């Protein structure tokens, strides 16, 4: 298999070469993709720009090990299909997250099994990697894990693309190739179920109230409203 080759020495994959003033401007994602059709090595710039975020998202969903494969395959697929990319979309984040979400969906049973184990025991080897970053502490809380496991795959994708990938509603719609109205309905349903699950657990009751939550139990507003 052949993937995106590394950038050539001296080639700046992230700039458009400058303008009449001699000022070098950063190339946006669509420019990089379009130019990579003739100069494949430029695609490495897209990898450098977005791979860390894709890997972080996949790791929060499946753990560090699978995230390596998900990230590599996401960019391999992106590289092979870049000739079909709609350059009217200047930012490639939704496209890349959509590819990653599709790949993550193939590991649905692994993800749900890990979430259920977390909900039951508070620990799971696959999910252990989620807890090594302070901003991921919420991910290893048993009540939230149980709530996420109970969601349908479609609802879980939408909720986590908003809460963990920080995509906007239209970006989620573009990523998953679903109508904007479907994004809104899935997100509202997922938030309601998560809120109901967390509000029944004393550890999270204060996080759902206006008063400050205990350290480490703060809820991202994306979860519940």
N, C-alpha and C. Protein backbone atom coordinates (compact mmCIF):
# COMPACT_ATOMS: atom_id res chain seq x y z
N UNK A 1 0.84 -1.19 0.00
CA UNK A 1 0.00 0.00 0.00
C UNK A 1 0.88 1.24 0.00
N UNK A 2 0.41 2.25 -0.69
CA UNK A 2 1.16 3.50 -0.72
C UNK A 2 0.34 4.59 -0.08
N UNK A 3 0.96 5.35 0.78
CA UNK A 3 0.29 6.45 1.45
C UNK A 3 0.89 7.75 1.04
N UNK A 4 0.49 8.81 1.70
CA UNK A 4 1.04 10.13 1.36
C UNK A 4 2.52 10.19 1.65
N UNK A 5 3.33 10.53 0.66
CA UNK A 5 4.77 10.58 0.87
C UNK A 5 5.15 11.79 1.69
N UNK A 6 6.32 11.74 2.33
CA UNK A 6 6.77 12.90 3.10
C UNK A 6 7.08 14.07 2.19
N UNK A 7 6.98 15.26 2.77
CA UNK A 7 7.29 16.46 1.99
C UNK A 7 8.76 16.46 1.61
N UNK A 8 9.04 16.98 0.42
CA UNK A 8 10.42 17.06 -0.03
C UNK A 8 11.17 18.11 0.77
N UNK A 9 12.45 17.88 1.02
CA UNK A 9 13.23 18.91 1.72
C UNK A 9 13.13 20.24 1.00
N UNK A 10 12.84 21.29 1.77
CA UNK A 10 12.74 22.61 1.19
C UNK A 10 11.37 22.95 0.65
N UNK A 11 10.43 21.98 0.71
CA UNK A 11 9.07 22.24 0.23
C UNK A 11 8.18 22.54 1.40
N UNK A 12 7.52 23.68 1.36
CA UNK A 12 6.60 24.06 2.43
C UNK A 12 5.20 23.67 2.00
N UNK A 13 4.70 22.54 2.55
CA UNK A 13 3.38 22.06 2.16
C UNK A 13 2.28 22.90 2.74
N UNK A 14 2.62 23.80 3.66
CA UNK A 14 1.58 24.58 4.32
C UNK A 14 1.52 26.01 3.87
N UNK A 15 2.14 26.37 2.72
CA UNK A 15 2.07 27.74 2.24
C UNK A 15 1.81 27.74 0.75
N UNK A 16 1.31 28.89 0.26
CA UNK A 16 0.98 28.96 -1.16
C UNK A 16 2.06 29.63 -1.98
N UNK A 17 3.22 29.83 -1.35
CA UNK A 17 4.35 30.37 -2.10
C UNK A 17 4.44 31.87 -2.11
N UNK A 18 3.45 32.55 -1.50
CA UNK A 18 3.55 34.00 -1.39
C UNK A 18 2.73 34.72 -2.45
N UNK A 19 2.76 36.04 -2.39
CA UNK A 19 2.03 36.85 -3.34
C UNK A 19 2.97 37.90 -3.93
N UNK A 20 2.40 38.92 -4.57
CA UNK A 20 3.23 39.93 -5.22
C UNK A 20 4.05 40.74 -4.23
N UNK A 21 3.64 40.74 -2.97
CA UNK A 21 4.38 41.49 -1.96
C UNK A 21 5.53 40.67 -1.40
N UNK A 22 5.60 39.41 -1.77
CA UNK A 22 6.65 38.55 -1.25
C UNK A 22 6.31 37.94 0.10
N UNK A 23 5.07 38.17 0.58
CA UNK A 23 4.66 37.61 1.87
C UNK A 23 4.11 36.21 1.65
N UNK A 24 4.64 35.24 2.39
CA UNK A 24 4.17 33.87 2.28
C UNK A 24 2.89 33.69 3.09
N UNK A 25 1.85 33.20 2.44
CA UNK A 25 0.57 32.99 3.11
C UNK A 25 0.37 31.50 3.35
N UNK A 26 -0.16 31.13 4.51
CA UNK A 26 -0.47 29.72 4.74
C UNK A 26 -1.54 29.25 3.76
N UNK A 27 -1.33 28.10 3.13
CA UNK A 27 -2.33 27.53 2.24
C UNK A 27 -3.42 26.87 3.08
N UNK A 28 -4.68 27.06 2.70
CA UNK A 28 -5.72 26.38 3.45
C UNK A 28 -5.80 24.92 3.00
N UNK A 29 -6.65 24.15 3.68
CA UNK A 29 -6.70 22.71 3.43
C UNK A 29 -7.06 22.40 1.98
N UNK A 30 -8.05 23.12 1.45
CA UNK A 30 -8.48 22.85 0.08
C UNK A 30 -7.35 23.10 -0.92
N UNK A 31 -6.56 24.13 -0.68
CA UNK A 31 -5.43 24.40 -1.56
C UNK A 31 -4.40 23.27 -1.50
N UNK A 32 -4.12 22.83 -0.29
CA UNK A 32 -3.14 21.75 -0.13
C UNK A 32 -3.61 20.49 -0.86
N UNK A 33 -4.89 20.16 -0.70
CA UNK A 33 -5.42 18.97 -1.35
C UNK A 33 -5.37 19.10 -2.86
N UNK A 34 -5.79 20.25 -3.37
CA UNK A 34 -5.80 20.47 -4.81
C UNK A 34 -4.40 20.40 -5.39
N UNK A 35 -3.46 21.04 -4.72
CA UNK A 35 -2.08 21.06 -5.22
C UNK A 35 -1.41 19.70 -5.10
N UNK A 36 -1.88 18.88 -4.14
CA UNK A 36 -1.28 17.57 -3.94
C UNK A 36 -1.61 16.60 -5.07
N UNK A 37 -2.61 16.93 -5.89
CA UNK A 37 -2.92 16.06 -7.02
C UNK A 37 -1.75 16.02 -8.00
N UNK A 38 -1.08 17.15 -8.16
CA UNK A 38 0.10 17.21 -9.04
C UNK A 38 1.39 16.99 -8.27
N UNK A 39 1.39 17.36 -6.99
CA UNK A 39 2.57 17.20 -6.14
C UNK A 39 2.16 16.43 -4.88
N UNK A 40 2.11 15.10 -4.95
CA UNK A 40 1.59 14.28 -3.84
C UNK A 40 2.27 14.53 -2.50
N UNK A 41 3.53 14.92 -2.54
CA UNK A 41 4.25 15.12 -1.29
C UNK A 41 3.65 16.25 -0.45
N UNK A 42 2.91 17.16 -1.07
CA UNK A 42 2.32 18.26 -0.33
C UNK A 42 1.23 17.79 0.63
N UNK A 43 0.68 16.60 0.38
CA UNK A 43 -0.38 16.09 1.26
C UNK A 43 0.14 15.87 2.67
N UNK A 44 1.44 15.71 2.81
CA UNK A 44 2.02 15.56 4.14
C UNK A 44 1.71 16.76 5.03
N UNK A 45 1.52 17.92 4.41
CA UNK A 45 1.17 19.10 5.19
C UNK A 45 -0.18 18.97 5.85
N UNK A 46 -1.13 18.32 5.17
CA UNK A 46 -2.45 18.10 5.75
C UNK A 46 -2.35 17.14 6.93
N UNK A 47 -1.51 16.13 6.78
CA UNK A 47 -1.28 15.19 7.89
C UNK A 47 -0.70 15.92 9.09
N UNK A 48 0.32 16.71 8.86
CA UNK A 48 0.96 17.42 9.97
C UNK A 48 -0.03 18.35 10.68
N UNK A 49 -0.93 18.92 9.91
CA UNK A 49 -1.87 19.90 10.45
C UNK A 49 -2.97 19.25 11.28
N UNK A 50 -3.44 18.06 10.88
CA UNK A 50 -4.65 17.51 11.50
C UNK A 50 -4.47 16.16 12.20
N UNK A 51 -3.38 15.45 11.94
CA UNK A 51 -3.23 14.11 12.52
C UNK A 51 -3.27 14.11 14.05
N UNK A 52 -2.63 15.06 14.73
CA UNK A 52 -2.68 15.02 16.21
C UNK A 52 -4.10 15.07 16.75
N UNK A 53 -4.97 15.90 16.16
CA UNK A 53 -6.34 15.99 16.64
C UNK A 53 -7.13 14.73 16.33
N UNK A 54 -6.93 14.17 15.15
CA UNK A 54 -7.62 12.93 14.79
C UNK A 54 -7.19 11.80 15.73
N UNK A 55 -5.91 11.73 16.02
CA UNK A 55 -5.41 10.70 16.91
C UNK A 55 -5.97 10.87 18.31
N UNK A 56 -6.01 12.10 18.78
CA UNK A 56 -6.54 12.38 20.12
C UNK A 56 -8.00 11.94 20.23
N UNK A 57 -8.77 12.25 19.20
CA UNK A 57 -10.19 11.88 19.21
C UNK A 57 -10.35 10.36 19.18
N UNK A 58 -9.61 9.69 18.31
CA UNK A 58 -9.71 8.24 18.22
C UNK A 58 -9.28 7.57 19.53
N UNK A 59 -8.27 8.15 20.18
CA UNK A 59 -7.80 7.58 21.45
C UNK A 59 -8.86 7.70 22.54
N UNK A 60 -9.58 8.79 22.54
CA UNK A 60 -10.63 8.97 23.54
C UNK A 60 -11.79 8.02 23.28
N UNK A 61 -11.96 7.61 22.03
CA UNK A 61 -13.04 6.69 21.69
C UNK A 61 -12.63 5.23 21.92
N UNK A 62 -11.41 4.88 21.53
CA UNK A 62 -11.03 3.47 21.50
C UNK A 62 -9.78 3.13 22.29
N UNK A 63 -9.02 4.11 22.75
CA UNK A 63 -7.75 3.85 23.41
C UNK A 63 -6.58 4.14 22.49
N UNK A 64 -5.40 4.24 23.06
CA UNK A 64 -4.22 4.67 22.31
C UNK A 64 -3.82 3.72 21.20
N UNK A 65 -3.87 2.40 21.48
CA UNK A 65 -3.44 1.43 20.47
C UNK A 65 -4.23 1.51 19.18
N UNK A 66 -5.55 1.34 19.24
CA UNK A 66 -6.34 1.44 18.01
C UNK A 66 -6.26 2.81 17.36
N UNK A 67 -6.02 3.85 18.16
CA UNK A 67 -5.96 5.21 17.59
C UNK A 67 -4.84 5.34 16.58
N UNK A 68 -3.74 4.65 16.79
CA UNK A 68 -2.63 4.69 15.82
C UNK A 68 -3.10 4.19 14.45
N UNK A 69 -3.81 3.04 14.47
CA UNK A 69 -4.28 2.46 13.21
C UNK A 69 -5.37 3.33 12.59
N UNK A 70 -6.28 3.85 13.41
CA UNK A 70 -7.37 4.68 12.90
C UNK A 70 -6.80 5.92 12.21
N UNK A 71 -5.82 6.56 12.85
CA UNK A 71 -5.24 7.76 12.28
C UNK A 71 -4.53 7.47 10.97
N UNK A 72 -3.73 6.42 10.95
CA UNK A 72 -3.01 6.06 9.73
C UNK A 72 -3.98 5.75 8.60
N UNK A 73 -5.02 4.97 8.90
CA UNK A 73 -5.96 4.59 7.85
C UNK A 73 -6.80 5.78 7.39
N UNK A 74 -7.11 6.68 8.32
CA UNK A 74 -7.88 7.88 7.94
C UNK A 74 -7.14 8.67 6.87
N UNK A 75 -5.85 8.88 7.07
CA UNK A 75 -5.10 9.69 6.10
C UNK A 75 -4.75 8.90 4.85
N UNK A 76 -4.67 7.59 4.96
CA UNK A 76 -4.46 6.79 3.75
C UNK A 76 -5.69 6.87 2.85
N UNK A 77 -6.88 6.74 3.46
CA UNK A 77 -8.12 6.86 2.69
C UNK A 77 -8.25 8.27 2.11
N UNK A 78 -7.94 9.27 2.94
CA UNK A 78 -8.03 10.66 2.47
C UNK A 78 -7.10 10.89 1.28
N UNK A 79 -5.89 10.35 1.37
CA UNK A 79 -4.92 10.53 0.29
C UNK A 79 -5.42 9.87 -1.00
N UNK A 80 -5.98 8.68 -0.87
CA UNK A 80 -6.42 7.93 -2.05
C UNK A 80 -7.68 8.53 -2.68
N UNK A 81 -8.47 9.23 -1.91
CA UNK A 81 -9.73 9.77 -2.43
C UNK A 81 -9.70 11.29 -2.56
N UNK A 82 -8.53 11.90 -2.46
CA UNK A 82 -8.45 13.35 -2.45
C UNK A 82 -8.90 13.98 -3.75
N UNK A 83 -8.88 13.21 -4.86
CA UNK A 83 -9.33 13.74 -6.13
C UNK A 83 -10.83 13.99 -6.15
N UNK A 84 -11.55 13.42 -5.16
CA UNK A 84 -13.00 13.62 -5.09
C UNK A 84 -13.38 14.65 -4.02
N UNK A 85 -12.38 15.28 -3.41
CA UNK A 85 -12.67 16.26 -2.37
C UNK A 85 -13.27 17.52 -2.97
N UNK A 86 -14.33 18.03 -2.35
CA UNK A 86 -14.99 19.25 -2.79
C UNK A 86 -14.23 20.45 -2.23
N UNK A 87 -13.47 21.12 -3.09
CA UNK A 87 -12.63 22.23 -2.62
C UNK A 87 -13.44 23.47 -2.25
N UNK A 88 -14.75 23.43 -2.42
CA UNK A 88 -15.57 24.51 -1.90
C UNK A 88 -15.53 24.53 -0.37
N UNK A 89 -15.22 23.38 0.21
CA UNK A 89 -15.03 23.27 1.65
C UNK A 89 -13.56 23.54 1.94
N UNK A 90 -13.26 24.74 2.41
CA UNK A 90 -11.87 25.14 2.55
C UNK A 90 -11.16 24.45 3.71
N UNK A 91 -11.91 24.02 4.72
CA UNK A 91 -11.34 23.30 5.85
C UNK A 91 -11.67 21.81 5.74
N UNK A 92 -10.68 20.97 5.90
CA UNK A 92 -10.86 19.53 5.71
C UNK A 92 -11.22 18.78 6.99
N UNK A 93 -11.31 19.49 8.12
CA UNK A 93 -11.58 18.80 9.39
C UNK A 93 -12.83 17.93 9.34
N UNK A 94 -13.98 18.42 8.87
CA UNK A 94 -15.16 17.56 8.83
C UNK A 94 -14.95 16.31 7.97
N UNK A 95 -14.31 16.48 6.83
CA UNK A 95 -14.03 15.35 5.94
C UNK A 95 -13.19 14.30 6.67
N UNK A 96 -12.12 14.74 7.32
CA UNK A 96 -11.23 13.81 8.00
C UNK A 96 -11.91 13.14 9.19
N UNK A 97 -12.65 13.92 9.97
CA UNK A 97 -13.37 13.33 11.10
C UNK A 97 -14.46 12.36 10.62
N UNK A 98 -15.05 12.65 9.47
CA UNK A 98 -16.03 11.72 8.93
C UNK A 98 -15.41 10.38 8.57
N UNK A 99 -14.24 10.41 7.95
CA UNK A 99 -13.53 9.17 7.64
C UNK A 99 -13.19 8.43 8.93
N UNK A 100 -12.67 9.17 9.92
CA UNK A 100 -12.30 8.55 11.19
C UNK A 100 -13.52 7.96 11.89
N UNK A 101 -14.64 8.69 11.87
CA UNK A 101 -15.85 8.19 12.52
C UNK A 101 -16.33 6.90 11.88
N UNK A 102 -16.22 6.81 10.57
CA UNK A 102 -16.62 5.59 9.87
C UNK A 102 -15.74 4.42 10.29
N UNK A 103 -14.44 4.68 10.42
CA UNK A 103 -13.52 3.62 10.85
C UNK A 103 -13.77 3.23 12.30
N UNK A 104 -14.01 4.23 13.15
CA UNK A 104 -14.30 3.95 14.56
C UNK A 104 -15.58 3.11 14.67
N UNK A 105 -16.55 3.40 13.80
CA UNK A 105 -17.80 2.64 13.82
C UNK A 105 -17.61 1.16 13.59
N UNK A 106 -16.54 0.79 12.90
CA UNK A 106 -16.25 -0.62 12.68
C UNK A 106 -15.77 -1.30 13.96
N UNK A 107 -15.41 -0.49 14.95
CA UNK A 107 -14.97 -1.01 16.25
C UNK A 107 -16.06 -0.79 17.31
N UNK A 108 -17.30 -0.71 16.87
CA UNK A 108 -18.41 -0.37 17.77
C UNK A 108 -18.47 -1.31 18.97
N UNK A 109 -18.33 -2.60 18.73
CA UNK A 109 -18.43 -3.56 19.83
C UNK A 109 -17.31 -3.37 20.84
N UNK A 110 -16.12 -3.07 20.35
CA UNK A 110 -15.00 -2.82 21.26
C UNK A 110 -15.26 -1.60 22.11
N UNK A 111 -15.75 -0.54 21.49
CA UNK A 111 -16.03 0.69 22.23
C UNK A 111 -17.10 0.48 23.28
N UNK A 112 -18.20 -0.15 22.90
CA UNK A 112 -19.30 -0.37 23.84
C UNK A 112 -18.87 -1.30 24.97
N UNK A 113 -18.09 -2.32 24.63
CA UNK A 113 -17.62 -3.24 25.66
C UNK A 113 -16.74 -2.51 26.68
N UNK A 114 -15.88 -1.62 26.20
CA UNK A 114 -15.02 -0.85 27.10
C UNK A 114 -15.84 0.09 27.97
N UNK A 115 -16.83 0.74 27.38
CA UNK A 115 -17.67 1.67 28.13
C UNK A 115 -18.47 0.94 29.20
N UNK A 116 -19.01 -0.22 28.85
CA UNK A 116 -19.78 -1.00 29.83
C UNK A 116 -18.89 -1.48 30.97
N UNK A 117 -17.66 -1.86 30.63
CA UNK A 117 -16.73 -2.28 31.68
C UNK A 117 -16.41 -1.12 32.61
N UNK A 118 -16.24 0.06 32.04
CA UNK A 118 -16.01 1.25 32.87
C UNK A 118 -17.20 1.53 33.77
N UNK A 119 -18.39 1.41 33.20
CA UNK A 119 -19.59 1.69 33.98
C UNK A 119 -19.74 0.70 35.13
N UNK A 120 -19.31 -0.53 34.90
CA UNK A 120 -19.49 -1.59 35.89
C UNK A 120 -18.39 -1.58 36.96
N UNK A 121 -17.14 -1.39 36.53
CA UNK A 121 -16.02 -1.55 37.45
C UNK A 121 -15.21 -0.28 37.68
N UNK A 122 -15.38 0.70 36.81
CA UNK A 122 -14.58 1.92 36.91
C UNK A 122 -13.20 1.77 36.32
N UNK A 123 -12.91 0.62 35.70
CA UNK A 123 -11.59 0.42 35.10
C UNK A 123 -11.71 -0.58 33.96
N UNK A 124 -10.96 -0.33 32.92
CA UNK A 124 -10.88 -1.26 31.80
C UNK A 124 -9.54 -1.06 31.11
N UNK A 125 -8.83 -2.14 30.77
CA UNK A 125 -7.50 -1.99 30.15
C UNK A 125 -7.53 -1.18 28.86
N UNK A 126 -8.56 -1.37 28.04
CA UNK A 126 -8.63 -0.64 26.77
C UNK A 126 -8.80 0.84 27.03
N UNK A 127 -9.62 1.18 28.02
CA UNK A 127 -9.93 2.58 28.29
C UNK A 127 -8.95 3.24 29.24
N UNK A 128 -8.01 2.47 29.79
CA UNK A 128 -7.09 3.04 30.77
C UNK A 128 -6.31 4.22 30.22
N UNK A 129 -6.03 4.19 28.90
CA UNK A 129 -5.25 5.28 28.31
C UNK A 129 -6.02 6.58 28.30
N UNK A 130 -7.34 6.54 28.49
CA UNK A 130 -8.11 7.77 28.48
C UNK A 130 -7.80 8.65 29.68
N UNK A 131 -7.28 8.06 30.75
CA UNK A 131 -7.17 8.80 32.00
C UNK A 131 -5.80 9.43 32.22
N UNK A 132 -4.93 9.38 31.22
CA UNK A 132 -3.58 9.90 31.45
C UNK A 132 -3.47 11.38 31.13
N UNK A 133 -4.58 12.04 30.80
CA UNK A 133 -4.57 13.47 30.56
C UNK A 133 -5.62 14.12 31.44
N UNK A 134 -5.29 15.23 32.06
CA UNK A 134 -6.20 15.86 33.00
C UNK A 134 -7.53 16.21 32.37
N UNK A 135 -7.52 16.67 31.12
CA UNK A 135 -8.77 17.10 30.51
C UNK A 135 -9.63 15.94 30.07
N UNK A 136 -9.13 14.71 30.23
CA UNK A 136 -9.90 13.52 29.88
C UNK A 136 -10.51 12.85 31.10
N UNK A 137 -10.38 13.46 32.28
CA UNK A 137 -10.86 12.78 33.48
C UNK A 137 -12.34 12.45 33.41
N UNK A 138 -13.10 13.30 32.76
CA UNK A 138 -14.53 13.04 32.67
C UNK A 138 -14.81 11.75 31.92
N UNK A 139 -13.91 11.35 31.00
CA UNK A 139 -14.16 10.19 30.16
C UNK A 139 -14.15 8.89 30.95
N UNK A 140 -13.48 8.85 32.09
CA UNK A 140 -13.36 7.60 32.82
C UNK A 140 -14.34 7.51 33.97
N UNK A 141 -15.26 8.46 34.08
CA UNK A 141 -16.26 8.40 35.12
C UNK A 141 -17.31 7.37 34.73
N UNK A 142 -17.61 6.45 35.66
CA UNK A 142 -18.52 5.36 35.36
C UNK A 142 -19.90 5.81 34.90
N UNK A 143 -20.54 6.80 35.53
CA UNK A 143 -21.88 7.18 35.06
C UNK A 143 -21.90 7.64 33.60
N UNK A 144 -20.90 8.42 33.20
CA UNK A 144 -20.86 8.88 31.82
C UNK A 144 -20.59 7.73 30.87
N UNK A 145 -19.70 6.82 31.25
CA UNK A 145 -19.40 5.67 30.41
C UNK A 145 -20.65 4.85 30.16
N UNK A 146 -21.44 4.65 31.22
CA UNK A 146 -22.68 3.89 31.05
C UNK A 146 -23.65 4.60 30.15
N UNK A 147 -23.74 5.91 30.28
CA UNK A 147 -24.65 6.69 29.43
C UNK A 147 -24.23 6.62 27.97
N UNK A 148 -22.93 6.73 27.71
CA UNK A 148 -22.44 6.68 26.34
C UNK A 148 -22.67 5.29 25.73
N UNK A 149 -22.47 4.25 26.53
CA UNK A 149 -22.67 2.90 26.03
C UNK A 149 -24.11 2.65 25.64
N UNK A 150 -25.04 3.31 26.31
CA UNK A 150 -26.47 3.11 26.05
C UNK A 150 -26.96 3.86 24.82
N UNK A 151 -26.18 4.79 24.30
CA UNK A 151 -26.59 5.55 23.13
C UNK A 151 -26.51 4.69 21.86
N UNK A 152 -27.33 5.01 20.89
CA UNK A 152 -27.19 4.37 19.59
C UNK A 152 -25.89 4.84 18.95
N UNK A 153 -25.32 4.05 18.02
CA UNK A 153 -24.07 4.48 17.38
C UNK A 153 -24.18 5.86 16.74
N UNK A 154 -25.30 6.14 16.07
CA UNK A 154 -25.46 7.44 15.43
C UNK A 154 -25.49 8.58 16.42
N UNK A 155 -26.22 8.40 17.52
CA UNK A 155 -26.30 9.44 18.54
C UNK A 155 -24.95 9.64 19.20
N UNK A 156 -24.22 8.56 19.43
CA UNK A 156 -22.91 8.66 20.07
C UNK A 156 -21.92 9.39 19.17
N UNK A 157 -21.94 9.10 17.88
CA UNK A 157 -21.07 9.80 16.94
C UNK A 157 -21.31 11.31 17.00
N UNK A 158 -22.58 11.71 16.92
CA UNK A 158 -22.89 13.13 16.90
C UNK A 158 -22.47 13.81 18.19
N UNK A 159 -22.82 13.20 19.33
CA UNK A 159 -22.48 13.81 20.62
C UNK A 159 -20.97 13.97 20.79
N UNK A 160 -20.21 12.94 20.45
CA UNK A 160 -18.77 12.99 20.69
C UNK A 160 -18.03 13.85 19.67
N UNK A 161 -18.56 13.97 18.46
CA UNK A 161 -17.95 14.89 17.51
C UNK A 161 -18.12 16.33 17.97
N UNK A 162 -19.22 16.62 18.64
CA UNK A 162 -19.43 17.95 19.20
C UNK A 162 -18.61 18.14 20.46
N UNK A 163 -18.68 17.17 21.38
CA UNK A 163 -18.08 17.33 22.70
C UNK A 163 -16.57 17.12 22.70
N UNK A 164 -16.08 16.18 21.91
CA UNK A 164 -14.65 15.86 21.95
C UNK A 164 -13.88 16.39 20.75
N UNK A 165 -14.50 16.42 19.57
CA UNK A 165 -13.81 16.94 18.38
C UNK A 165 -14.07 18.43 18.20
N UNK A 166 -15.02 18.98 18.95
CA UNK A 166 -15.32 20.42 18.91
C UNK A 166 -15.78 20.85 17.52
N UNK A 167 -16.56 20.01 16.85
CA UNK A 167 -17.13 20.37 15.56
C UNK A 167 -18.44 21.11 15.77
N UNK A 168 -18.75 22.03 14.87
CA UNK A 168 -20.04 22.68 14.88
C UNK A 168 -21.10 21.78 14.27
N UNK A 169 -22.37 22.19 14.40
CA UNK A 169 -23.46 21.35 13.90
C UNK A 169 -23.33 21.08 12.41
N UNK A 170 -23.06 22.14 11.62
CA UNK A 170 -22.94 21.94 10.18
C UNK A 170 -21.73 21.07 9.85
N UNK A 171 -20.65 21.22 10.61
CA UNK A 171 -19.47 20.40 10.38
C UNK A 171 -19.77 18.93 10.66
N UNK A 172 -20.55 18.65 11.69
CA UNK A 172 -20.94 17.27 11.98
C UNK A 172 -21.80 16.73 10.85
N UNK A 173 -22.74 17.55 10.37
CA UNK A 173 -23.58 17.13 9.25
C UNK A 173 -22.72 16.79 8.03
N UNK A 174 -21.73 17.62 7.75
CA UNK A 174 -20.84 17.36 6.62
C UNK A 174 -20.01 16.10 6.86
N UNK A 175 -19.52 15.94 8.08
CA UNK A 175 -18.67 14.79 8.39
C UNK A 175 -19.42 13.47 8.23
N UNK A 176 -20.64 13.41 8.73
CA UNK A 176 -21.42 12.18 8.72
C UNK A 176 -22.34 12.07 7.51
N UNK A 177 -22.39 13.14 6.70
CA UNK A 177 -23.22 13.17 5.50
C UNK A 177 -24.69 12.92 5.86
N UNK A 178 -25.15 13.68 6.82
CA UNK A 178 -26.54 13.61 7.24
C UNK A 178 -27.10 15.03 7.28
N UNK A 179 -28.43 15.20 7.20
CA UNK A 179 -29.00 16.54 7.24
C UNK A 179 -28.73 17.24 8.56
N UNK A 180 -28.69 18.56 8.52
CA UNK A 180 -28.47 19.34 9.73
C UNK A 180 -29.56 19.07 10.76
N UNK A 181 -30.79 18.91 10.31
CA UNK A 181 -31.87 18.62 11.23
C UNK A 181 -31.67 17.30 11.96
N UNK A 182 -31.07 16.33 11.29
CA UNK A 182 -30.79 15.04 11.93
C UNK A 182 -29.72 15.19 13.00
N UNK A 183 -28.73 16.04 12.72
CA UNK A 183 -27.71 16.32 13.73
C UNK A 183 -28.36 16.89 14.98
N UNK A 184 -29.23 17.87 14.80
CA UNK A 184 -29.88 18.52 15.95
C UNK A 184 -30.72 17.52 16.74
N UNK A 185 -31.49 16.69 16.05
CA UNK A 185 -32.36 15.75 16.76
C UNK A 185 -31.54 14.69 17.49
N UNK A 186 -30.49 14.19 16.85
CA UNK A 186 -29.64 13.19 17.51
C UNK A 186 -28.93 13.78 18.71
N UNK A 187 -28.45 15.01 18.56
CA UNK A 187 -27.73 15.64 19.66
C UNK A 187 -28.66 15.92 20.83
N UNK A 188 -29.85 16.41 20.55
CA UNK A 188 -30.81 16.66 21.63
C UNK A 188 -31.17 15.38 22.36
N UNK A 189 -31.37 14.30 21.61
CA UNK A 189 -31.71 13.02 22.22
C UNK A 189 -30.55 12.49 23.06
N UNK A 190 -29.33 12.59 22.53
CA UNK A 190 -28.17 12.09 23.26
C UNK A 190 -27.93 12.90 24.53
N UNK A 191 -28.05 14.22 24.42
CA UNK A 191 -27.85 15.06 25.60
C UNK A 191 -28.89 14.76 26.68
N UNK A 192 -30.13 14.54 26.25
CA UNK A 192 -31.18 14.25 27.22
C UNK A 192 -30.88 12.95 27.96
N UNK A 193 -30.45 11.93 27.22
CA UNK A 193 -30.17 10.64 27.85
C UNK A 193 -28.96 10.74 28.78
N UNK A 194 -27.94 11.48 28.36
CA UNK A 194 -26.76 11.63 29.21
C UNK A 194 -27.12 12.41 30.46
N UNK A 195 -27.89 13.47 30.29
CA UNK A 195 -28.28 14.27 31.45
C UNK A 195 -29.10 13.44 32.44
N UNK A 196 -30.02 12.64 31.92
CA UNK A 196 -30.83 11.80 32.80
C UNK A 196 -29.96 10.80 33.55
N UNK A 197 -28.98 10.22 32.85
CA UNK A 197 -28.11 9.24 33.49
C UNK A 197 -27.23 9.88 34.56
N UNK A 198 -26.69 11.05 34.27
CA UNK A 198 -25.79 11.69 35.22
C UNK A 198 -26.53 12.31 36.39
N UNK A 199 -27.76 12.77 36.16
CA UNK A 199 -28.50 13.43 37.23
C UNK A 199 -28.94 12.45 38.30
N UNK A 200 -28.92 11.16 38.00
CA UNK A 200 -29.32 10.16 38.99
C UNK A 200 -28.15 9.72 39.85
N UNK A 201 -26.95 10.19 39.52
CA UNK A 201 -25.76 9.80 40.28
C UNK A 201 -25.33 10.95 41.18
N UNK A 202 -25.21 10.73 42.49
CA UNK A 202 -24.86 11.82 43.41
C UNK A 202 -23.56 12.52 43.06
N UNK A 203 -22.61 11.78 42.49
CA UNK A 203 -21.31 12.38 42.17
C UNK A 203 -21.43 13.48 41.14
N UNK A 204 -22.49 13.45 40.33
CA UNK A 204 -22.64 14.42 39.26
C UNK A 204 -23.77 15.40 39.50
N UNK A 205 -24.51 15.24 40.58
CA UNK A 205 -25.65 16.12 40.81
C UNK A 205 -25.24 17.58 40.84
N UNK A 206 -24.14 17.89 41.54
CA UNK A 206 -23.71 19.29 41.63
C UNK A 206 -23.22 19.82 40.30
N UNK A 207 -22.74 18.93 39.43
CA UNK A 207 -22.27 19.37 38.12
C UNK A 207 -23.42 19.81 37.23
N UNK A 208 -24.63 19.35 37.55
CA UNK A 208 -25.80 19.73 36.77
C UNK A 208 -26.54 20.90 37.39
N UNK A 209 -26.08 21.36 38.56
CA UNK A 209 -26.67 22.50 39.23
C UNK A 209 -25.87 23.75 38.92
N UNK A 210 -26.43 24.96 39.16
CA UNK A 210 -25.69 26.19 38.89
C UNK A 210 -24.46 26.35 39.76
N UNK A 211 -24.43 25.72 40.95
CA UNK A 211 -23.29 25.87 41.85
C UNK A 211 -22.07 25.18 41.28
N UNK A 212 -20.85 25.62 41.66
CA UNK A 212 -19.63 25.02 41.10
C UNK A 212 -19.53 23.53 41.40
N UNK A 213 -19.02 22.78 40.43
CA UNK A 213 -18.84 21.34 40.62
C UNK A 213 -17.49 21.07 41.27
N UNK A 214 -17.36 19.91 41.96
CA UNK A 214 -16.07 19.54 42.52
C UNK A 214 -15.02 19.39 41.44
N UNK A 215 -13.79 19.62 41.79
CA UNK A 215 -12.69 19.51 40.82
C UNK A 215 -12.69 18.13 40.19
N UNK A 216 -12.54 18.11 38.87
CA UNK A 216 -12.48 16.84 38.16
C UNK A 216 -13.83 16.32 37.73
N UNK A 217 -14.93 16.99 38.15
CA UNK A 217 -16.26 16.51 37.81
C UNK A 217 -17.01 17.51 36.94
N UNK A 218 -16.31 18.52 36.42
CA UNK A 218 -16.96 19.51 35.60
C UNK A 218 -17.45 18.87 34.32
N UNK A 219 -18.63 19.27 33.87
CA UNK A 219 -19.19 18.77 32.63
C UNK A 219 -18.97 19.77 31.52
N UNK A 220 -18.46 19.30 30.40
CA UNK A 220 -18.42 20.12 29.21
C UNK A 220 -19.86 20.48 28.87
N UNK A 221 -20.19 21.76 28.63
CA UNK A 221 -21.56 22.11 28.29
C UNK A 221 -22.10 21.33 27.11
N UNK A 222 -21.21 20.81 26.23
CA UNK A 222 -21.65 20.07 25.07
C UNK A 222 -22.40 18.81 25.46
N UNK A 223 -22.13 18.29 26.68
CA UNK A 223 -22.78 17.04 27.07
C UNK A 223 -24.28 17.24 27.29
N UNK A 224 -24.66 18.32 27.96
CA UNK A 224 -26.00 18.37 28.50
C UNK A 224 -26.86 19.52 28.04
N UNK A 225 -26.33 20.45 27.24
CA UNK A 225 -27.18 21.54 26.78
C UNK A 225 -26.68 22.11 25.46
